[in-house]
Protein backbone atom coordinates (compact mmCIF):
# COMPACT_ATOMS: atom_id res chain seq x y z
CA UNK A 1 101.72 109.11 144.66
CA UNK A 2 98.43 109.17 146.50
CA UNK A 3 98.90 112.79 147.63
CA UNK A 4 99.56 114.18 144.14
CA UNK A 5 97.19 116.98 143.16
CA UNK A 6 96.83 118.36 139.63
CA UNK A 7 95.01 121.68 139.31
CA UNK A 8 94.34 124.19 136.55
CA UNK A 9 96.37 127.40 136.41
CA UNK A 10 94.37 130.60 135.99
CA UNK A 11 95.79 132.93 133.34
CA UNK A 12 95.92 136.37 135.00
CA UNK A 13 95.42 139.75 133.40
CA UNK A 14 98.49 141.04 135.22
CA UNK A 15 101.33 139.74 137.34
CA UNK A 16 102.25 140.35 140.96
CA UNK A 17 98.75 139.62 142.28
CA UNK A 18 97.48 136.68 144.35
CA UNK A 19 95.60 135.47 141.27
CA UNK A 20 98.90 135.30 139.34
CA UNK A 21 100.74 133.14 141.88
CA UNK A 22 100.07 129.80 140.17
CA UNK A 23 100.97 131.20 136.75
CA UNK A 24 104.24 132.56 138.07
CA UNK A 25 104.97 129.22 139.78
CA UNK A 26 104.32 127.35 136.52
CA UNK A 27 106.69 129.61 134.57
CA UNK A 28 109.29 129.11 137.30
CA UNK A 29 109.02 125.35 136.65
CA UNK A 30 109.67 125.96 132.96
CA UNK A 31 112.74 128.08 133.74
CA UNK A 32 114.19 125.60 136.24
CA UNK A 33 113.66 122.58 133.98
CA UNK A 34 115.24 124.24 130.94
CA UNK A 35 118.20 125.56 132.92
CA UNK A 36 118.86 122.14 134.47
CA UNK A 37 118.46 120.09 131.30
CA UNK A 38 120.32 122.43 128.94
CA UNK A 39 122.98 123.68 131.35
CA UNK A 40 122.30 127.25 130.18
CA UNK A 41 119.78 130.04 130.72
CA UNK A 42 119.20 130.45 126.98
CA UNK A 43 115.63 129.18 127.21
CA UNK A 44 114.69 131.12 130.36
CA UNK A 45 111.52 133.18 129.98
CA UNK A 46 110.32 135.52 132.74
CA UNK A 47 106.57 135.53 133.47
CA UNK A 48 106.07 138.96 131.90
CA UNK A 49 107.45 137.58 128.63
CA UNK A 50 105.26 134.48 128.71
CA UNK A 51 101.99 136.15 129.70
CA UNK A 52 101.15 137.60 126.25
CA UNK A 53 101.44 134.14 124.72
CA UNK A 54 99.10 132.70 127.33
CA UNK A 55 96.55 135.43 126.72
CA UNK A 56 96.24 134.40 123.05
CA UNK A 57 93.26 132.20 123.78
CA UNK A 58 90.76 133.01 121.02
CA UNK A 59 92.79 131.51 118.17
CA UNK A 60 95.26 129.41 120.17
CA UNK A 61 93.29 127.92 123.10
CA UNK A 62 95.47 126.38 125.79
CA UNK A 63 95.40 125.19 129.39
CA UNK A 64 98.13 124.79 131.96
CA UNK A 65 98.11 122.64 135.08
CA UNK A 66 100.36 122.36 138.12
CA UNK A 67 101.24 119.15 139.94
CA UNK A 68 101.66 119.54 143.70
CA UNK A 69 102.27 117.43 146.76
CA UNK A 70 100.83 119.47 149.60
CA UNK A 71 102.20 122.97 149.05
CA UNK A 72 105.22 121.75 147.06
CA UNK A 73 105.16 122.30 143.29
CA UNK A 74 106.45 119.25 141.42
CA UNK A 75 105.87 120.07 137.76
CA UNK A 76 103.52 121.46 135.16
CA UNK A 77 101.60 120.32 132.10
CA UNK A 78 100.40 122.20 129.02
CA UNK A 79 97.68 121.31 126.53
CA UNK A 80 97.22 123.43 123.39
CA UNK A 81 94.63 123.44 120.63
CA UNK A 82 94.23 125.03 117.21
CA UNK A 83 91.33 125.91 114.95
CA UNK A 84 90.85 125.23 111.25
CA UNK A 85 92.00 121.86 109.88
CA UNK A 86 93.91 121.16 113.10
CA UNK A 87 90.81 121.24 115.30
CA UNK A 88 91.13 117.48 115.92
CA UNK A 89 94.69 117.83 117.23
CA UNK A 90 96.17 118.69 120.60
CA UNK A 91 99.76 119.50 121.57
CA UNK A 92 100.96 118.36 124.98
CA UNK A 93 103.98 119.27 127.08
CA UNK A 94 105.09 118.03 130.51
CA UNK A 95 107.92 119.32 132.70
CA UNK A 96 108.94 117.91 136.10
CA UNK A 97 111.40 119.64 138.42
CA UNK A 98 114.69 117.68 138.57
CA UNK A 99 114.44 116.97 142.29
CA UNK A 100 111.04 115.31 141.86
CA UNK A 101 111.78 113.06 138.88
CA UNK A 102 111.56 109.29 139.02
CA UNK A 103 108.39 109.31 141.14
CA UNK A 104 105.73 109.05 138.43
CA UNK A 105 104.91 112.77 138.27
CA UNK A 106 105.56 113.00 134.52
CA UNK A 107 103.36 109.99 133.80
CA UNK A 108 100.56 111.33 136.00
CA UNK A 109 100.64 114.70 134.23
CA UNK A 110 100.78 113.09 130.77
CA UNK A 111 97.84 110.79 131.51
CA UNK A 112 95.86 113.71 132.93
CA UNK A 113 96.42 115.72 129.76
CA UNK A 114 95.58 112.78 127.51
CA UNK A 115 92.31 112.28 129.42
CA UNK A 116 91.47 115.96 128.86
CA UNK A 117 92.25 115.69 125.14
CA UNK A 118 90.08 112.57 124.78
CA UNK A 119 87.22 114.16 126.71
CA UNK A 120 87.47 117.18 124.41
CA UNK A 121 87.00 114.91 121.40
CA UNK A 122 90.52 115.17 120.00
CA UNK A 123 91.76 112.33 117.82
CA UNK A 124 95.48 113.03 117.82
CA UNK A 125 98.09 114.20 120.34
CA UNK A 126 101.52 115.61 119.46
CA UNK A 127 104.47 116.07 121.81
CA UNK A 128 107.73 117.91 121.08
CA UNK A 129 110.23 116.53 123.58
CA UNK A 130 113.80 117.89 123.79
CA UNK A 131 116.48 115.22 124.17
CA UNK A 132 119.79 116.48 125.52
CA UNK A 133 121.69 113.19 125.72
CA UNK A 134 124.33 112.58 123.04
CA UNK A 135 125.74 109.20 122.13
CA UNK A 136 124.37 105.81 123.10
CA UNK A 137 121.61 103.87 121.38
CA UNK A 138 119.47 106.01 119.10
CA UNK A 139 115.94 105.90 117.69
CA UNK A 140 115.81 107.01 114.06
CA UNK A 141 113.07 109.28 112.72
CA UNK A 142 111.00 107.64 109.96
CA UNK A 143 111.78 110.63 107.73
CA UNK A 144 115.36 109.40 107.46
CA UNK A 145 116.61 112.64 109.00
CA UNK A 146 117.75 112.77 112.62
CA UNK A 147 117.38 110.62 115.71
CA UNK A 148 116.78 110.84 119.46
CA UNK A 149 118.14 108.81 122.39
CA UNK A 150 116.49 105.39 122.58
CA UNK A 151 116.80 104.96 126.34
CA UNK A 152 115.99 108.15 128.23
CA UNK A 153 113.15 108.90 130.61
CA UNK A 154 111.22 110.93 128.03
CA UNK A 155 111.60 108.28 125.30
CA UNK A 156 110.57 105.43 127.59
CA UNK A 157 107.55 107.36 128.86
CA UNK A 158 106.34 108.37 125.39
CA UNK A 159 106.71 104.85 124.01
CA UNK A 160 104.89 103.36 127.01
CA UNK A 161 102.01 105.80 126.46
CA UNK A 162 101.64 104.72 122.84
CA UNK A 163 103.37 107.62 121.09
CA UNK A 164 105.46 107.03 117.98
CA UNK A 165 108.37 109.16 116.77
CA UNK A 166 107.51 110.97 113.54
CA UNK A 167 110.13 113.71 113.13
CA UNK A 168 113.23 115.26 114.65
CA UNK A 169 113.68 119.01 115.10
CA UNK A 170 117.07 120.67 115.38
CA UNK A 171 117.65 123.56 117.76
CA UNK A 172 120.41 125.79 116.39
CA UNK A 173 122.37 128.67 117.91
CA UNK A 174 124.11 131.53 116.09
CA UNK A 175 126.75 133.29 118.22
CA UNK A 176 126.73 137.08 118.02
CA UNK A 177 128.06 139.56 117.08
CA UNK A 178 128.64 138.80 113.42
CA UNK A 179 130.99 140.78 111.22
CA UNK A 180 128.61 143.39 109.83
CA UNK A 181 130.56 143.87 106.61
CA UNK A 182 130.43 140.13 105.95
CA UNK A 183 126.70 140.00 106.72
CA UNK A 184 126.03 142.93 104.41
CA UNK A 185 127.92 141.14 101.65
CA UNK A 186 125.85 138.00 102.23
CA UNK A 187 122.65 140.08 102.06
CA UNK A 188 123.77 141.86 98.91
CA UNK A 189 124.79 138.62 97.20
CA UNK A 190 121.39 137.13 97.99
CA UNK A 191 119.62 140.25 96.66
CA UNK A 192 121.63 140.06 93.45
CA UNK A 193 120.79 136.38 93.03
CA UNK A 194 117.09 137.12 93.61
CA UNK A 195 117.13 139.81 90.93
CA UNK A 196 114.97 142.89 90.34
CA UNK A 197 111.68 140.99 90.67
CA UNK A 198 112.18 140.80 94.46
CA UNK A 199 112.41 143.65 96.96
CA UNK A 200 113.09 143.37 100.69
CA UNK A 201 111.19 145.29 103.39
CA UNK A 202 111.54 145.33 107.17
CA UNK A 203 109.56 146.62 110.14
CA UNK A 204 109.24 146.34 113.92
CA UNK A 205 106.45 145.19 116.22
CA UNK A 206 103.52 146.16 113.98
CA UNK A 207 103.02 145.09 110.38
CA UNK A 208 102.35 148.04 108.03
CA UNK A 209 98.73 148.06 106.89
CA UNK A 210 99.63 147.42 103.26
CA UNK A 211 101.27 144.09 104.19
CA UNK A 212 98.84 142.76 106.80
CA UNK A 213 96.78 140.59 104.46
CA UNK A 214 99.90 139.17 102.84
CA UNK A 215 101.52 138.38 106.19
CA UNK A 216 98.36 136.61 107.37
CA UNK A 217 98.55 134.48 104.22
CA UNK A 218 102.22 133.69 104.86
CA UNK A 219 101.49 132.71 108.46
CA UNK A 220 98.75 130.37 107.27
CA UNK A 221 101.15 128.81 104.79
CA UNK A 222 103.60 128.20 107.67
CA UNK A 223 101.28 125.43 108.81
CA UNK A 224 101.02 123.80 105.38
CA UNK A 225 104.37 124.39 103.66
CA UNK A 226 106.80 123.49 106.46
CA UNK A 227 107.78 119.79 106.61
CA UNK A 228 105.60 117.96 109.15
CA UNK A 229 106.35 114.30 108.30
CA UNK A 230 103.62 112.03 109.67
CA UNK A 231 102.41 114.56 112.22
CA UNK A 232 99.71 115.80 109.83
CA UNK A 233 99.23 118.97 111.85
CA UNK A 234 96.73 120.58 109.47
CA UNK A 235 96.21 124.15 108.32
CA UNK A 236 96.19 126.84 111.02
CA UNK A 237 94.33 129.77 109.42
CA UNK A 238 95.39 133.37 110.04
CA UNK A 239 93.33 136.47 109.27
CA UNK A 240 94.23 140.14 109.51
CA UNK A 241 92.13 140.33 112.68
CA UNK A 242 94.12 137.51 114.27
CA UNK A 243 97.39 139.13 113.21
CA UNK A 244 96.44 142.46 114.76
CA UNK A 245 95.31 140.81 117.99
CA UNK A 246 98.54 138.80 118.15
CA UNK A 247 100.67 141.90 117.62
CA UNK A 248 98.73 143.87 120.23
CA UNK A 249 99.22 141.17 122.86
CA UNK A 250 102.92 140.87 122.02
CA UNK A 251 103.28 144.64 122.36
CA UNK A 252 102.08 144.35 125.96
CA UNK A 253 105.12 142.21 126.77
CA UNK A 254 108.81 143.17 126.98
CA UNK A 255 110.02 141.57 123.73
CA UNK A 256 110.90 143.57 120.60
CA UNK A 257 109.97 142.17 117.21
CA UNK A 258 111.96 142.40 113.98
CA UNK A 259 110.45 141.31 110.67
CA UNK A 260 111.98 141.20 107.21
CA UNK A 261 109.86 140.30 104.19
CA UNK A 262 110.29 140.00 100.44
CA UNK A 263 107.87 141.51 97.94
CA UNK A 264 107.44 139.94 94.52
CA UNK A 265 107.50 143.20 92.57
CA UNK A 266 105.47 142.09 89.50
CA UNK A 267 102.56 140.94 91.69
CA UNK A 268 103.05 143.41 94.57
CA UNK A 269 102.61 140.54 97.07
CA UNK A 270 104.83 139.31 99.90
CA UNK A 271 106.27 135.87 99.19
CA UNK A 272 108.74 135.38 102.08
CA UNK A 273 109.30 136.62 105.60
CA UNK A 274 111.14 135.96 108.85
CA UNK A 275 110.62 137.26 112.39
CA UNK A 276 113.03 137.69 115.30
CA UNK A 277 112.04 138.50 118.87
CA UNK A 278 114.62 140.12 121.12
CA UNK A 279 114.15 139.90 124.91
CA UNK A 280 114.46 142.96 127.12
CA UNK A 281 117.69 141.64 128.69
CA UNK A 282 120.73 141.99 126.47
CA UNK A 283 122.43 138.98 128.07
CA UNK A 284 119.78 136.62 126.63
CA UNK A 285 119.56 135.26 123.06
CA UNK A 286 117.05 136.50 120.52
CA UNK A 287 114.54 133.97 119.16
CA UNK A 288 114.35 133.30 115.43
CA UNK A 289 110.72 132.37 114.98
CA UNK A 290 108.65 131.90 111.81
CA UNK A 291 110.47 131.86 108.48
CA UNK A 292 108.93 130.86 105.17
CA UNK A 293 109.49 131.22 101.45
CA UNK A 294 106.41 130.27 99.46
CA UNK A 295 107.01 127.09 97.46
CA UNK A 296 106.33 128.82 94.16
CA UNK A 297 109.11 131.37 94.84
CA UNK A 298 111.86 129.09 96.10
CA UNK A 299 115.21 128.84 94.38
CA UNK A 300 115.94 132.59 94.42
CA UNK A 301 117.86 132.75 97.73
CA UNK A 302 114.99 134.59 99.40
CA UNK A 303 115.47 132.69 102.67
CA UNK A 304 119.03 133.96 102.94
CA UNK A 305 117.91 137.44 101.93
CA UNK A 306 115.30 137.85 104.67
CA UNK A 307 117.42 136.24 107.38
CA UNK A 308 120.49 138.34 106.61
CA UNK A 309 118.38 141.50 106.44
CA UNK A 310 116.78 140.77 109.80
CA UNK A 311 120.12 140.00 111.45
CA UNK A 312 121.38 143.34 110.19
CA UNK A 313 118.33 145.03 111.73
CA UNK A 314 118.99 143.32 115.06
CA UNK A 315 122.65 144.39 114.98
CA UNK A 316 121.68 147.95 114.10
CA UNK A 317 118.81 148.46 116.55
CA UNK A 318 119.47 146.03 119.44
CA UNK A 319 123.19 145.15 119.50
CA UNK A 320 124.55 143.16 122.42
CA UNK A 321 122.54 139.93 122.45
CA UNK A 322 124.86 136.90 122.70
CA UNK A 323 123.14 134.70 120.14
CA UNK A 324 120.08 133.88 118.03
CA UNK A 325 118.26 130.57 118.62
CA UNK A 326 116.01 128.80 116.12
CA UNK A 327 114.33 125.42 115.47
CA UNK A 328 113.84 123.55 112.17
CA UNK A 329 112.81 120.09 111.06
CA UNK A 330 115.87 117.97 110.26
CA UNK A 331 114.52 117.23 106.77
CA UNK A 332 114.11 120.95 106.02
CA UNK A 333 117.47 120.94 104.32
CA UNK A 334 116.89 124.17 102.41
CA UNK A 335 116.39 126.26 105.56
CA UNK A 336 119.08 124.40 107.50
CA UNK A 337 121.53 125.11 104.69
CA UNK A 338 120.73 128.81 104.99
CA UNK A 339 121.23 128.66 108.76
CA UNK A 340 124.49 126.75 108.49
CA UNK A 341 125.85 129.22 105.94
CA UNK A 342 125.11 132.05 108.40
CA UNK A 343 126.94 130.21 111.20
CA UNK A 344 124.15 128.46 113.13
CA UNK A 345 125.24 125.25 114.88
CA UNK A 346 123.02 122.58 116.51
CA UNK A 347 122.70 122.54 120.29
CA UNK A 348 119.69 120.25 120.91
CA UNK A 349 117.39 117.85 119.11
CA UNK A 350 113.67 117.45 119.77
CA UNK A 351 111.60 114.41 119.01
CA UNK A 352 108.18 115.13 117.52
CA UNK A 353 105.89 112.33 118.69
CA UNK A 354 102.31 111.41 117.72
CA UNK A 355 99.60 109.34 119.40
CA UNK A 356 96.22 108.59 117.84
CA UNK A 357 93.54 108.86 120.52
CA UNK A 358 90.65 106.49 121.00
CA UNK A 359 87.24 108.23 121.26
CA UNK A 360 85.26 107.96 124.47
CA UNK A 361 82.63 105.24 124.33
């Protein structure tokens, strides 16, 4: 593809301007690829919803590129970085429009991103690649939990580039509405099992001041306590300042946040939390994002308690969404058991792939 051009996408301050055209085109690629591959619009994200995420550059640096042939957009690539212990790691993502596949665009984008990562001194690249095919030959994860198709375009490309499969993630979907009386009973049973040492709290887009330090600690532990197999993703440190900046940027977008957390009453500290984000459009699913119960407080049904409480909040304050979507590592049996008990069912599996990068000489 001698006429292929790959160029950086500028992240605009606002949409609907000439400067935002490439950003909007890149998000359109994301929407088209997800709709084609999944057969649904569940993963569609309008530009105004994606912009706050892309403006989180201080603590989550990232770049996006577009692949074009002349004026025709063919696909996009994303490269993300972290700070802290994960400073040596990069996360890559490539999407090619269906009508332009099979022409080497995905490989060109992947090699471009890998060159950037190597030039930036990174020693490890991680790719999360959704695999929609069911049946056929499979490639098992070394964790012993889950597999991905062994002979699809994404698998062949990743293997040819030197990536190895480390983990499989499950995407799960919970149809709504749920029977509120049943959900309240589930919440109450979990609260009774937890006992008087644990108390649940919930809030909206902004964390109350008294819980900001604790939530920053829980977010940091998300990067160390969640199963990561051989990915070795490292600690991603959160501070109160980062939390406040993140919440301010999210508040500039159209999504509504719902958080439920559990306080350990004897210590007065938060030990578990979960967050949902509901899109502005009621015909789209809500996203179940971070959920964690600190290791030292597991075994008290706190995961079920926070998830049931947050689903009740969503039903009370934003009824009408068709589903909730979430992702978990296949070996995270504790959290998957909670999800399955609530009614989540798998709809896609993602391979988590790693490549160790050679330094520039």
